[in-house]
Amino acid sequence: MRFILVNGRTPFGRFTCAKCGEAISNSYLREMTTHLYYCDQSCYSEHCVKAALTLKVAPVGLAPVRNKRSAEGDLTAST
């Protein structure tokens, strides 16, 4: 995951931490892909661990893996 660590600057508007709900102050993390705000490194790391465990237990929306042999068979059968 990619993130930005911001010190000495508050975001424009009122934002709360995506993990604990605390108000964002002058030091925070912002994840680049989701644009979520986190109050500190511990909330961000806890969120990452929880997300990784969720994906490990229930991978939703992932395409099924096909082996190379079946993919080659599809190509030769269509020609």
PDB file of N, CA and C in Angstrom:
ATOM      1  N   MET A   1       0.837  -1.174   0.000  1.00  0.00           N
ATOM      2  CA  MET A   1       0.000   0.000   0.000  1.00  0.00           C
ATOM      3  C   MET A   1       0.882   1.238   0.000  1.00  0.00           C
ATOM      4  N   ARG A   2       0.399   2.250  -0.656  1.00  0.00           N
ATOM      5  CA  ARG A   2       1.140   3.501  -0.725  1.00  0.00           C
ATOM      6  C   ARG A   2       0.406   4.554   0.099  1.00  0.00           C
ATOM      7  N   PHE A   3       1.190   5.349   0.837  1.00  0.00           N
ATOM      8  CA  PHE A   3       0.581   6.370   1.676  1.00  0.00           C
ATOM      9  C   PHE A   3       1.485   7.590   1.749  1.00  0.00           C
ATOM     10  N   ILE A   4       0.900   8.680   2.204  1.00  0.00           N
ATOM     11  CA  ILE A   4       1.622   9.937   2.415  1.00  0.00           C
ATOM     12  C   ILE A   4       1.563  10.243   3.903  1.00  0.00           C
ATOM     13  N   LEU A   5       2.707  10.563   4.505  1.00  0.00           N
ATOM     14  CA  LEU A   5       2.770  10.982   5.897  1.00  0.00           C
ATOM     15  C   LEU A   5       2.852  12.498   5.914  1.00  0.00           C
ATOM     16  N   VAL A   6       1.877  13.136   6.565  1.00  0.00           N
ATOM     17  CA  VAL A   6       1.797  14.593   6.598  1.00  0.00           C
ATOM     18  C   VAL A   6       2.051  15.066   8.021  1.00  0.00           C
ATOM     19  N   ASN A   7       2.973  16.003   8.198  1.00  0.00           N
ATOM     20  CA  ASN A   7       3.265  16.600   9.500  1.00  0.00           C
ATOM     21  C   ASN A   7       3.082  18.104   9.428  1.00  0.00           C
ATOM     22  N   GLY A   8       2.458  18.678  10.445  1.00  0.00           N
ATOM     23  CA  GLY A   8       2.321  20.114  10.554  1.00  0.00           C
ATOM     24  C   GLY A   8       1.335  20.739   9.587  1.00  0.00           C
ATOM     25  N   ARG A   9       0.362  19.963   9.128  1.00  0.00           N
ATOM     26  CA  ARG A   9      -0.616  20.496   8.187  1.00  0.00           C
ATOM     27  C   ARG A   9      -1.933  19.754   8.386  1.00  0.00           C
ATOM     28  N   THR A  10      -3.023  20.477   8.487  1.00  0.00           N
ATOM     29  CA  THR A  10      -4.330  19.840   8.616  1.00  0.00           C
ATOM     30  C   THR A  10      -4.997  19.814   7.246  1.00  0.00           C
ATOM     31  N   PRO A  11      -5.790  18.772   6.973  1.00  0.00           N
ATOM     32  CA  PRO A  11      -6.476  18.715   5.681  1.00  0.00           C
ATOM     33  C   PRO A  11      -7.579  19.758   5.599  1.00  0.00           C
ATOM     34  N   PHE A  12      -7.918  20.165   4.397  1.00  0.00           N
ATOM     35  CA  PHE A  12      -8.991  21.132   4.180  1.00  0.00           C
ATOM     36  C   PHE A  12     -10.323  20.443   4.457  1.00  0.00           C
ATOM     37  N   GLY A  13     -11.063  20.941   5.390  1.00  0.00           N
ATOM     38  CA  GLY A  13     -12.334  20.331   5.769  1.00  0.00           C
ATOM     39  C   GLY A  13     -12.183  19.533   7.057  1.00  0.00           C
ATOM     40  N   ARG A  14     -13.277  18.935   7.466  1.00  0.00           N
ATOM     41  CA  ARG A  14     -13.271  18.125   8.692  1.00  0.00           C
ATOM     42  C   ARG A  14     -13.244  16.658   8.306  1.00  0.00           C
ATOM     43  N   PHE A  15     -12.182  15.985   8.708  1.00  0.00           N
ATOM     44  CA  PHE A  15     -12.028  14.570   8.410  1.00  0.00           C
ATOM     45  C   PHE A  15     -11.799  13.798   9.693  1.00  0.00           C
ATOM     46  N   THR A  16     -12.196  12.535   9.677  1.00  0.00           N
ATOM     47  CA  THR A  16     -11.961  11.651  10.813  1.00  0.00           C
ATOM     48  C   THR A  16     -11.164  10.439  10.349  1.00  0.00           C
ATOM     49  N   CYS A  17     -10.527   9.788  11.293  1.00  0.00           N
ATOM     50  CA  CYS A  17      -9.727   8.605  11.009  1.00  0.00           C
ATOM     51  C   CYS A  17     -10.634   7.478  10.498  1.00  0.00           C
ATOM     52  N   ALA A  18     -10.201   6.811   9.437  1.00  0.00           N
ATOM     53  CA  ALA A  18     -10.991   5.722   8.861  1.00  0.00           C
ATOM     54  C   ALA A  18     -11.064   4.513   9.784  1.00  0.00           C
ATOM     55  N   LYS A  19     -10.134   4.384  10.709  1.00  0.00           N
ATOM     56  CA  LYS A  19     -10.096   3.230  11.622  1.00  0.00           C
ATOM     57  C   LYS A  19     -10.816   3.508  12.937  1.00  0.00           C
ATOM     58  N   CYS A  20     -10.425   4.579  13.624  1.00  0.00           N
ATOM     59  CA  CYS A  20     -10.954   4.808  14.978  1.00  0.00           C
ATOM     60  C   CYS A  20     -11.987   5.936  15.065  1.00  0.00           C
ATOM     61  N   GLY A  21     -12.084   6.784  14.045  1.00  0.00           N
ATOM     62  CA  GLY A  21     -13.067   7.850  14.052  1.00  0.00           C
ATOM     63  C   GLY A  21     -12.620   9.133  14.732  1.00  0.00           C
ATOM     64  N   GLU A  22     -11.374   9.202  15.193  1.00  0.00           N
ATOM     65  CA  GLU A  22     -10.860  10.425  15.821  1.00  0.00           C
ATOM     66  C   GLU A  22     -10.708  11.532  14.782  1.00  0.00           C
ATOM     67  N   ALA A  23     -10.832  12.775  15.219  1.00  0.00           N
ATOM     68  CA  ALA A  23     -10.654  13.905  14.307  1.00  0.00           C
ATOM     69  C   ALA A  23      -9.200  13.980  13.846  1.00  0.00           C
ATOM     70  N   ILE A  24      -9.003  14.278  12.584  1.00  0.00           N
ATOM     71  CA  ILE A  24      -7.656  14.402  12.027  1.00  0.00           C
ATOM     72  C   ILE A  24      -7.070  15.741  12.454  1.00  0.00           C
ATOM     73  N   SER A  25      -5.850  15.691  13.013  1.00  0.00           N
ATOM     74  CA  SER A  25      -5.192  16.921  13.467  1.00  0.00           C
ATOM     75  C   SER A  25      -4.068  17.279  12.502  1.00  0.00           C
ATOM     76  N   ASN A  26      -3.011  17.884  13.004  1.00  0.00           N
ATOM     77  CA  ASN A  26      -1.946  18.384  12.130  1.00  0.00           C
ATOM     78  C   ASN A  26      -0.916  17.331  11.736  1.00  0.00           C
ATOM     79  N   SER A  27      -1.053  16.095  12.140  1.00  0.00           N
ATOM     80  CA  SER A  27      -0.198  14.996  11.691  1.00  0.00           C
ATOM     81  C   SER A  27      -1.092  13.795  11.391  1.00  0.00           C
ATOM     82  N   TYR A  28      -1.005  13.290  10.180  1.00  0.00           N
ATOM     83  CA  TYR A  28      -1.870  12.188   9.785  1.00  0.00           C
ATOM     84  C   TYR A  28      -1.271  11.439   8.600  1.00  0.00           C
ATOM     85  N   LEU A  29      -1.863  10.298   8.271  1.00  0.00           N
ATOM     86  CA  LEU A  29      -1.497   9.528   7.091  1.00  0.00           C
ATOM     87  C   LEU A  29      -2.672   9.551   6.135  1.00  0.00           C
ATOM     88  N   ARG A  30      -2.360   9.567   4.848  1.00  0.00           N
ATOM     89  CA  ARG A  30      -3.404   9.492   3.832  1.00  0.00           C
ATOM     90  C   ARG A  30      -3.013   8.421   2.832  1.00  0.00           C
ATOM     91  N   GLU A  31      -3.887   7.436   2.658  1.00  0.00           N
ATOM     92  CA  GLU A  31      -3.610   6.378   1.702  1.00  0.00           C
ATOM     93  C   GLU A  31      -3.874   6.907   0.289  1.00  0.00           C
ATOM     94  N   MET A  32      -2.940   6.658  -0.611  1.00  0.00           N
ATOM     95  CA  MET A  32      -3.016   7.241  -1.947  1.00  0.00           C
ATOM     96  C   MET A  32      -4.088   6.595  -2.822  1.00  0.00           C
ATOM     97  N   THR A  33      -4.297   5.298  -2.697  1.00  0.00           N
ATOM     98  CA  THR A  33      -5.256   4.648  -3.587  1.00  0.00           C
ATOM     99  C   THR A  33      -6.705   4.887  -3.185  1.00  0.00           C
ATOM    100  N   THR A  34      -7.000   4.897  -1.892  1.00  0.00           N
ATOM    101  CA  THR A  34      -8.379   5.081  -1.434  1.00  0.00           C
ATOM    102  C   THR A  34      -8.670   6.497  -0.953  1.00  0.00           C
ATOM    103  N   HIS A  35      -7.636   7.294  -0.748  1.00  0.00           N
ATOM    104  CA  HIS A  35      -7.752   8.670  -0.229  1.00  0.00           C
ATOM    105  C   HIS A  35      -8.368   8.718   1.166  1.00  0.00           C
ATOM    106  N   LEU A  36      -8.171   7.649   1.950  1.00  0.00           N
ATOM    107  CA  LEU A  36      -8.654   7.622   3.325  1.00  0.00           C
ATOM    108  C   LEU A  36      -7.622   8.252   4.250  1.00  0.00           C
ATOM    109  N   TYR A  37      -8.099   8.867   5.322  1.00  0.00           N
ATOM    110  CA  TYR A  37      -7.245   9.513   6.314  1.00  0.00           C
ATOM    111  C   TYR A  37      -7.135   8.626   7.548  1.00  0.00           C
ATOM    112  N   TYR A  38      -5.936   8.573   8.149  1.00  0.00           N
ATOM    113  CA  TYR A  38      -5.681   7.837   9.387  1.00  0.00           C
ATOM    114  C   TYR A  38      -4.974   8.776  10.351  1.00  0.00           C
ATOM    115  N   CYS A  39      -5.326   8.707  11.638  1.00  0.00           N
ATOM    116  CA  CYS A  39      -4.767   9.643  12.618  1.00  0.00           C
ATOM    117  C   CYS A  39      -3.300   9.371  12.929  1.00  0.00           C
ATOM    118  N   ASP A  40      -2.850   8.113  12.823  1.00  0.00           N
ATOM    119  CA  ASP A  40      -1.439   7.797  13.070  1.00  0.00           C
ATOM    120  C   ASP A  40      -1.074   6.470  12.417  1.00  0.00           C
ATOM    121  N   GLN A  41       0.178   6.072  12.582  1.00  0.00           N
ATOM    122  CA  GLN A  41       0.691   4.864  11.952  1.00  0.00           C
ATOM    123  C   GLN A  41       0.034   3.601  12.507  1.00  0.00           C
ATOM    124  N   SER A  42      -0.316   3.601  13.785  1.00  0.00           N
ATOM    125  CA  SER A  42      -0.900   2.393  14.375  1.00  0.00           C
ATOM    126  C   SER A  42      -2.289   2.112  13.794  1.00  0.00           C
ATOM    127  N   CYS A  43      -3.096   3.150  13.612  1.00  0.00           N
ATOM    128  CA  CYS A  43      -4.416   2.939  13.003  1.00  0.00           C
ATOM    129  C   CYS A  43      -4.273   2.458  11.562  1.00  0.00           C
ATOM    130  N   TYR A  44      -3.319   3.021  10.834  1.00  0.00           N
ATOM    131  CA  TYR A  44      -3.107   2.604   9.451  1.00  0.00           C
ATOM    132  C   TYR A  44      -2.655   1.153   9.376  1.00  0.00           C
ATOM    133  N   SER A  45      -1.715   0.758  10.244  1.00  0.00           N
ATOM    134  CA  SER A  45      -1.216  -0.616  10.207  1.00  0.00           C
ATOM    135  C   SER A  45      -2.295  -1.606  10.643  1.00  0.00           C
ATOM    136  N   GLU A  46      -3.112  -1.255  11.646  1.00  0.00           N
ATOM    137  CA  GLU A  46      -4.203  -2.126  12.062  1.00  0.00           C
ATOM    138  C   GLU A  46      -5.212  -2.316  10.931  1.00  0.00           C
ATOM    139  N   HIS A  47      -5.500  -1.248  10.213  1.00  0.00           N
ATOM    140  CA  HIS A  47      -6.426  -1.335   9.084  1.00  0.00           C
ATOM    141  C   HIS A  47      -5.863  -2.238   7.984  1.00  0.00           C
ATOM    142  N   CYS A  48      -4.551  -2.125   7.715  1.00  0.00           N
ATOM    143  CA  CYS A  48      -3.908  -2.954   6.692  1.00  0.00           C
ATOM    144  C   CYS A  48      -3.929  -4.424   7.071  1.00  0.00           C
ATOM    145  N   VAL A  49      -3.675  -4.725   8.331  1.00  0.00           N
ATOM    146  CA  VAL A  49      -3.693  -6.109   8.798  1.00  0.00           C
ATOM    147  C   VAL A  49      -5.103  -6.680   8.670  1.00  0.00           C
ATOM    148  N   LYS A  50      -6.094  -5.913   9.068  1.00  0.00           N
ATOM    149  CA  LYS A  50      -7.480  -6.381   8.985  1.00  0.00           C
ATOM    150  C   LYS A  50      -7.883  -6.600   7.526  1.00  0.00           C
ATOM    151  N   ALA A  51      -7.486  -5.711   6.639  1.00  0.00           N
ATOM    152  CA  ALA A  51      -7.803  -5.863   5.221  1.00  0.00           C
ATOM    153  C   ALA A  51      -7.122  -7.090   4.634  1.00  0.00           C
ATOM    154  N   ALA A  52      -5.871  -7.331   5.002  1.00  0.00           N
ATOM    155  CA  ALA A  52      -5.147  -8.495   4.498  1.00  0.00           C
ATOM    156  C   ALA A  52      -5.782  -9.791   4.989  1.00  0.00           C
ATOM    157  N   LEU A  53      -6.201  -9.829   6.241  1.00  0.00           N
ATOM    158  CA  LEU A  53      -6.859 -11.024   6.775  1.00  0.00           C
ATOM    159  C   LEU A  53      -8.194 -11.254   6.083  1.00  0.00           C
ATOM    160  N   THR A  54      -8.923 -10.197   5.788  1.00  0.00           N
ATOM    161  CA  THR A  54     -10.199 -10.324   5.101  1.00  0.00           C
ATOM    162  C   THR A  54      -9.999 -10.902   3.712  1.00  0.00           C
ATOM    163  N   LEU A  55      -8.998 -10.421   2.991  1.00  0.00           N
ATOM    164  CA  LEU A  55      -8.725 -10.946   1.656  1.00  0.00           C
ATOM    165  C   LEU A  55      -8.245 -12.389   1.700  1.00  0.00           C
ATOM    166  N   LYS A  56      -7.506 -12.735   2.743  1.00  0.00           N
ATOM    167  CA  LYS A  56      -6.999 -14.102   2.865  1.00  0.00           C
ATOM    168  C   LYS A  56      -8.130 -15.077   3.139  1.00  0.00           C
ATOM    169  N   VAL A  57      -9.096 -14.672   3.950  1.00  0.00           N
ATOM    170  CA  VAL A  57     -10.206 -15.545   4.321  1.00  0.00           C
ATOM    171  C   VAL A  57     -11.240 -15.630   3.202  1.00  0.00           C
ATOM    172  N   ALA A  58     -11.622 -14.501   2.628  1.00  0.00           N
ATOM    173  CA  ALA A  58     -12.694 -14.472   1.631  1.00  0.00           C
ATOM    174  C   ALA A  58     -12.301 -13.602   0.444  1.00  0.00           C
ATOM    175  N   PRO A  59     -11.556 -14.168  -0.524  1.00  0.00           N
ATOM    176  CA  PRO A  59     -11.186 -13.368  -1.694  1.00  0.00           C
ATOM    177  C   PRO A  59     -12.393 -13.151  -2.605  1.00  0.00           C
ATOM    178  N   VAL A  60     -12.981 -11.983  -2.525  1.00  0.00           N
ATOM    179  CA  VAL A  60     -14.172 -11.666  -3.294  1.00  0.00           C
ATOM    180  C   VAL A  60     -13.778 -10.919  -4.558  1.00  0.00           C
ATOM    181  N   GLY A  61     -14.345 -11.304  -5.669  1.00  0.00           N
ATOM    182  CA  GLY A  61     -14.137 -10.573  -6.911  1.00  0.00           C
ATOM    183  C   GLY A  61     -12.865 -10.916  -7.650  1.00  0.00           C
ATOM    184  N   LEU A  62     -12.164 -11.950  -7.245  1.00  0.00           N
ATOM    185  CA  LEU A  62     -10.949 -12.328  -7.943  1.00  0.00           C
ATOM    186  C   LEU A  62     -11.285 -13.310  -9.053  1.00  0.00           C
ATOM    187  N   ALA A  63     -10.634 -13.157 -10.195  1.00  0.00           N
ATOM    188  CA  ALA A  63     -10.867 -14.045 -11.320  1.00  0.00           C
ATOM    189  C   ALA A  63     -10.298 -15.424 -11.018  1.00  0.00           C
ATOM    190  N   PRO A  64     -10.950 -16.486 -11.499  1.00  0.00           N
ATOM    191  CA  PRO A  64     -10.410 -17.821 -11.268  1.00  0.00           C
ATOM    192  C   PRO A  64      -9.101 -18.007 -12.017  1.00  0.00           C
ATOM    193  N   VAL A  65      -8.212 -18.770 -11.418  1.00  0.00           N
ATOM    194  CA  VAL A  65      -6.906 -19.018 -12.014  1.00  0.00           C
ATOM    195  C   VAL A  65      -7.025 -20.191 -12.975  1.00  0.00           C
ATOM    196  N   ARG A  66      -6.542 -19.980 -14.188  1.00  0.00           N
ATOM    197  CA  ARG A  66      -6.549 -21.047 -15.188  1.00  0.00           C
ATOM    198  C   ARG A  66      -5.122 -21.488 -15.433  1.00  0.00           C
ATOM    199  N   ASN A  67      -4.930 -22.763 -15.606  1.00  0.00           N
ATOM    200  CA  ASN A  67      -3.579 -23.219 -15.863  1.00  0.00           C
ATOM    201  C   ASN A  67      -3.220 -23.018 -17.335  1.00  0.00           C
ATOM    202  N   LYS A  68      -1.943 -23.054 -17.640  1.00  0.00           N
ATOM    203  CA  LYS A  68      -1.453 -22.756 -18.983  1.00  0.00           C
ATOM    204  C   LYS A  68      -1.966 -23.775 -20.001  1.00  0.00           C
ATOM    205  N   ARG A  69      -2.039 -25.024 -19.627  1.00  0.00           N
ATOM    206  CA  ARG A  69      -2.446 -26.074 -20.561  1.00  0.00           C
ATOM    207  C   ARG A  69      -3.886 -25.848 -21.052  1.00  0.00           C
ATOM    208  N   SER A  70      -4.804 -25.505 -20.144  1.00  0.00           N
ATOM    209  CA  SER A  70      -6.189 -25.288 -20.571  1.00  0.00           C
ATOM    210  C   SER A  70      -6.303 -24.033 -21.431  1.00  0.00           C
ATOM    211  N   ALA A  71      -5.476 -23.022 -21.172  1.00  0.00           N
ATOM    212  CA  ALA A  71      -5.512 -21.809 -21.984  1.00  0.00           C
ATOM    213  C   ALA A  71      -5.002 -22.099 -23.392  1.00  0.00           C
ATOM    214  N   GLU A  72      -3.956 -22.921 -23.514  1.00  0.00           N
ATOM    215  CA  GLU A  72      -3.450 -23.280 -24.826  1.00  0.00           C
ATOM    216  C   GLU A  72      -4.443 -24.147 -25.576  1.00  0.00           C
ATOM    217  N   GLY A  73      -5.143 -25.020 -24.880  1.00  0.00           N
ATOM    218  CA  GLY A  73      -6.161 -25.859 -25.501  1.00  0.00           C
ATOM    219  C   GLY A  73      -7.294 -25.033 -26.078  1.00  0.00           C
ATOM    220  N   ASP A  74      -7.675 -23.953 -25.386  1.00  0.00           N
ATOM    221  CA  ASP A  74      -8.714 -23.064 -25.889  1.00  0.00           C
ATOM    222  C   ASP A  74      -8.298 -22.395 -27.187  1.00  0.00           C
ATOM    223  N   LEU A  75      -7.023 -22.034 -27.292  1.00  0.00           N
ATOM    224  CA  LEU A  75      -6.529 -21.375 -28.498  1.00  0.00           C
ATOM    225  C   LEU A  75      -6.484 -22.331 -29.680  1.00  0.00           C
ATOM    226  N   THR A  76      -6.049 -23.554 -29.473  1.00  0.00           N
ATOM    227  CA  THR A  76      -5.951 -24.510 -30.575  1.00  0.00           C
ATOM    228  C   THR A  76      -7.317 -25.003 -31.005  1.00  0.00           C
ATOM    229  N   ALA A  77      -8.264 -25.075 -30.099  1.00  0.00           N
ATOM    230  CA  ALA A  77      -9.610 -25.531 -30.437  1.00  0.00           C
ATOM    231  C   ALA A  77     -10.366 -24.502 -31.264  1.00  0.00           C
ATOM    232  N   SER A  78     -10.051 -23.228 -31.071  1.00  0.00           N
ATOM    233  CA  SER A  78     -10.783 -22.169 -31.787  1.00  0.00           C
ATOM    234  C   SER A  78     -10.229 -21.912 -33.177  1.00  0.00           C
ATOM    235  N   THR A  79      -9.023 -22.417 -33.517  1.00  0.00           N
ATOM    236  CA  THR A  79      -8.449 -22.143 -34.831  1.00  0.00           C
ATOM    237  C   THR A  79      -8.690 -23.260 -35.793  1.00  0.00           C
TER     238      THR A  79
END
